[in-house]
Amino acid sequence: MKLTLHKNATTTIAIRQIIKESSLSAFALAKKYGISQTTVARWKNSESVEYKSSRPNNLNITLTPEQEDRICFKRK
């Protein structure tokens, strides 16, 4: 499996999992991994350690029925 992180990512999924399961303080973990305490707190309190896209799930585009028909026709 190819792991792709955005260019500003400071942690990997493995590090996030270690942070989530660790009993060390946020300060100690931040110093250990060279990240901010805010980042440590975010991953300690998150439900999942997986990377989430920042792209919106629903695109705010409204098409008229005529435009929808044209798109469907073009795709076929």
C-alpha atoms as a PDB file:
ATOM      1  CA  MET A   1       0.000   0.000   0.000  1.00  0.00           C
ATOM      2  CA  LYS A   2       1.404   3.368  -0.997  1.00  0.00           C
ATOM      3  CA  LEU A   3       1.266   5.972   1.757  1.00  0.00           C
ATOM      4  CA  THR A   4       0.771   9.522   0.556  1.00  0.00           C
ATOM      5  CA  LEU A   5       0.773  12.430   2.957  1.00  0.00           C
ATOM      6  CA  HIS A   6       0.260  16.068   2.168  1.00  0.00           C
ATOM      7  CA  LYS A   7       3.421  18.164   2.014  1.00  0.00           C
ATOM      8  CA  ASN A   8       2.962  19.708   5.473  1.00  0.00           C
ATOM      9  CA  ALA A   9       2.249  16.445   7.322  1.00  0.00           C
ATOM     10  CA  THR A  10       4.412  16.058  10.423  1.00  0.00           C
ATOM     11  CA  THR A  11       3.252  12.606  11.519  1.00  0.00           C
ATOM     12  CA  THR A  12       2.625   9.239   9.939  1.00  0.00           C
ATOM     13  CA  ILE A  13      -0.172   6.844  10.793  1.00  0.00           C
ATOM     14  CA  ALA A  14       2.241   4.756  12.902  1.00  0.00           C
ATOM     15  CA  ILE A  15       3.321   7.778  14.958  1.00  0.00           C
ATOM     16  CA  ARG A  16      -0.304   8.868  15.377  1.00  0.00           C
ATOM     17  CA  GLN A  17      -1.190   5.409  16.715  1.00  0.00           C
ATOM     18  CA  ILE A  18       1.718   5.542  19.187  1.00  0.00           C
ATOM     19  CA  ILE A  19       0.619   9.012  20.325  1.00  0.00           C
ATOM     20  CA  LYS A  20      -2.989   7.869  20.768  1.00  0.00           C
ATOM     21  CA  GLU A  21      -2.007   4.840  22.884  1.00  0.00           C
ATOM     22  CA  SER A  22       0.730   6.566  24.907  1.00  0.00           C
ATOM     23  CA  SER A  23       0.322   7.546  28.538  1.00  0.00           C
ATOM     24  CA  LEU A  24       3.032  10.226  28.304  1.00  0.00           C
ATOM     25  CA  SER A  25       2.095  13.890  28.536  1.00  0.00           C
ATOM     26  CA  ALA A  26       1.490  16.015  25.462  1.00  0.00           C
ATOM     27  CA  PHE A  27       4.656  17.976  26.237  1.00  0.00           C
ATOM     28  CA  ALA A  28       6.823  14.817  26.431  1.00  0.00           C
ATOM     29  CA  LEU A  29       5.397  13.383  23.195  1.00  0.00           C
ATOM     30  CA  ALA A  30       5.774  16.716  21.386  1.00  0.00           C
ATOM     31  CA  LYS A  31       9.410  16.921  22.395  1.00  0.00           C
ATOM     32  CA  LYS A  32      10.052  13.255  21.489  1.00  0.00           C
ATOM     33  CA  TYR A  33       8.630  13.525  17.957  1.00  0.00           C
ATOM     34  CA  GLY A  34       9.491  17.165  17.252  1.00  0.00           C
ATOM     35  CA  ILE A  35       5.883  18.297  16.812  1.00  0.00           C
ATOM     36  CA  SER A  36       3.676  20.802  18.595  1.00  0.00           C
ATOM     37  CA  GLN A  37       1.639  20.036  21.694  1.00  0.00           C
ATOM     38  CA  THR A  38      -1.455  21.008  19.705  1.00  0.00           C
ATOM     39  CA  THR A  39      -0.735  18.247  17.190  1.00  0.00           C
ATOM     40  CA  VAL A  40      -0.250  15.715  19.986  1.00  0.00           C
ATOM     41  CA  ALA A  41      -3.515  16.771  21.639  1.00  0.00           C
ATOM     42  CA  ARG A  42      -5.348  16.502  18.318  1.00  0.00           C
ATOM     43  CA  TRP A  43      -4.226  12.906  17.750  1.00  0.00           C
ATOM     44  CA  LYS A  44      -4.739  11.850  21.382  1.00  0.00           C
ATOM     45  CA  ASN A  45      -8.364  12.998  21.249  1.00  0.00           C
ATOM     46  CA  SER A  46      -9.210  11.911  17.711  1.00  0.00           C
ATOM     47  CA  GLU A  47     -11.426   8.930  16.914  1.00  0.00           C
ATOM     48  CA  SER A  48      -9.274   7.727  14.034  1.00  0.00           C
ATOM     49  CA  VAL A  49      -5.592   8.021  13.154  1.00  0.00           C
ATOM     50  CA  GLU A  50      -6.264   7.799   9.423  1.00  0.00           C
ATOM     51  CA  TYR A  51      -5.595  10.751   7.161  1.00  0.00           C
ATOM     52  CA  LYS A  52      -8.755  12.635   6.216  1.00  0.00           C
ATOM     53  CA  SER A  53      -9.085  14.647   3.068  1.00  0.00           C
ATOM     54  CA  SER A  54      -9.783  18.327   3.492  1.00  0.00           C
ATOM     55  CA  ARG A  55     -11.824  18.353   0.290  1.00  0.00           C
ATOM     56  CA  PRO A  56     -15.537  18.907   0.958  1.00  0.00           C
ATOM     57  CA  ASN A  57     -17.736  15.835   0.676  1.00  0.00           C
ATOM     58  CA  ASN A  58     -20.504  17.724  -1.073  1.00  0.00           C
ATOM     59  CA  LEU A  59     -19.606  20.058  -3.867  1.00  0.00           C
ATOM     60  CA  ASN A  60     -21.749  23.163  -3.968  1.00  0.00           C
ATOM     61  CA  ILE A  61     -22.750  23.005  -7.616  1.00  0.00           C
ATOM     62  CA  THR A  62     -26.285  23.392  -8.850  1.00  0.00           C
ATOM     63  CA  LEU A  63     -27.113  22.259 -12.346  1.00  0.00           C
ATOM     64  CA  THR A  64     -30.293  22.817 -14.240  1.00  0.00           C
ATOM     65  CA  PRO A  65     -32.063  19.716 -15.551  1.00  0.00           C
ATOM     66  CA  GLU A  66     -30.974  20.731 -19.046  1.00  0.00           C
ATOM     67  CA  GLN A  67     -27.312  20.838 -17.998  1.00  0.00           C
ATOM     68  CA  GLU A  68     -27.632  17.457 -16.272  1.00  0.00           C
ATOM     69  CA  ASP A  69     -29.068  15.939 -19.467  1.00  0.00           C
ATOM     70  CA  ARG A  70     -26.185  17.325 -21.515  1.00  0.00           C
ATOM     71  CA  ILE A  71     -23.618  15.895 -19.121  1.00  0.00           C
ATOM     72  CA  CYS A  72     -25.286  12.480 -19.088  1.00  0.00           C
ATOM     73  CA  PHE A  73     -25.472  12.454 -22.878  1.00  0.00           C
ATOM     74  CA  LYS A  74     -21.806  13.436 -23.194  1.00  0.00           C
ATOM     75  CA  ARG A  75     -20.733  10.682 -20.773  1.00  0.00           C
ATOM     76  CA  LYS A  76     -22.581   8.031 -22.760  1.00  0.00           C
END
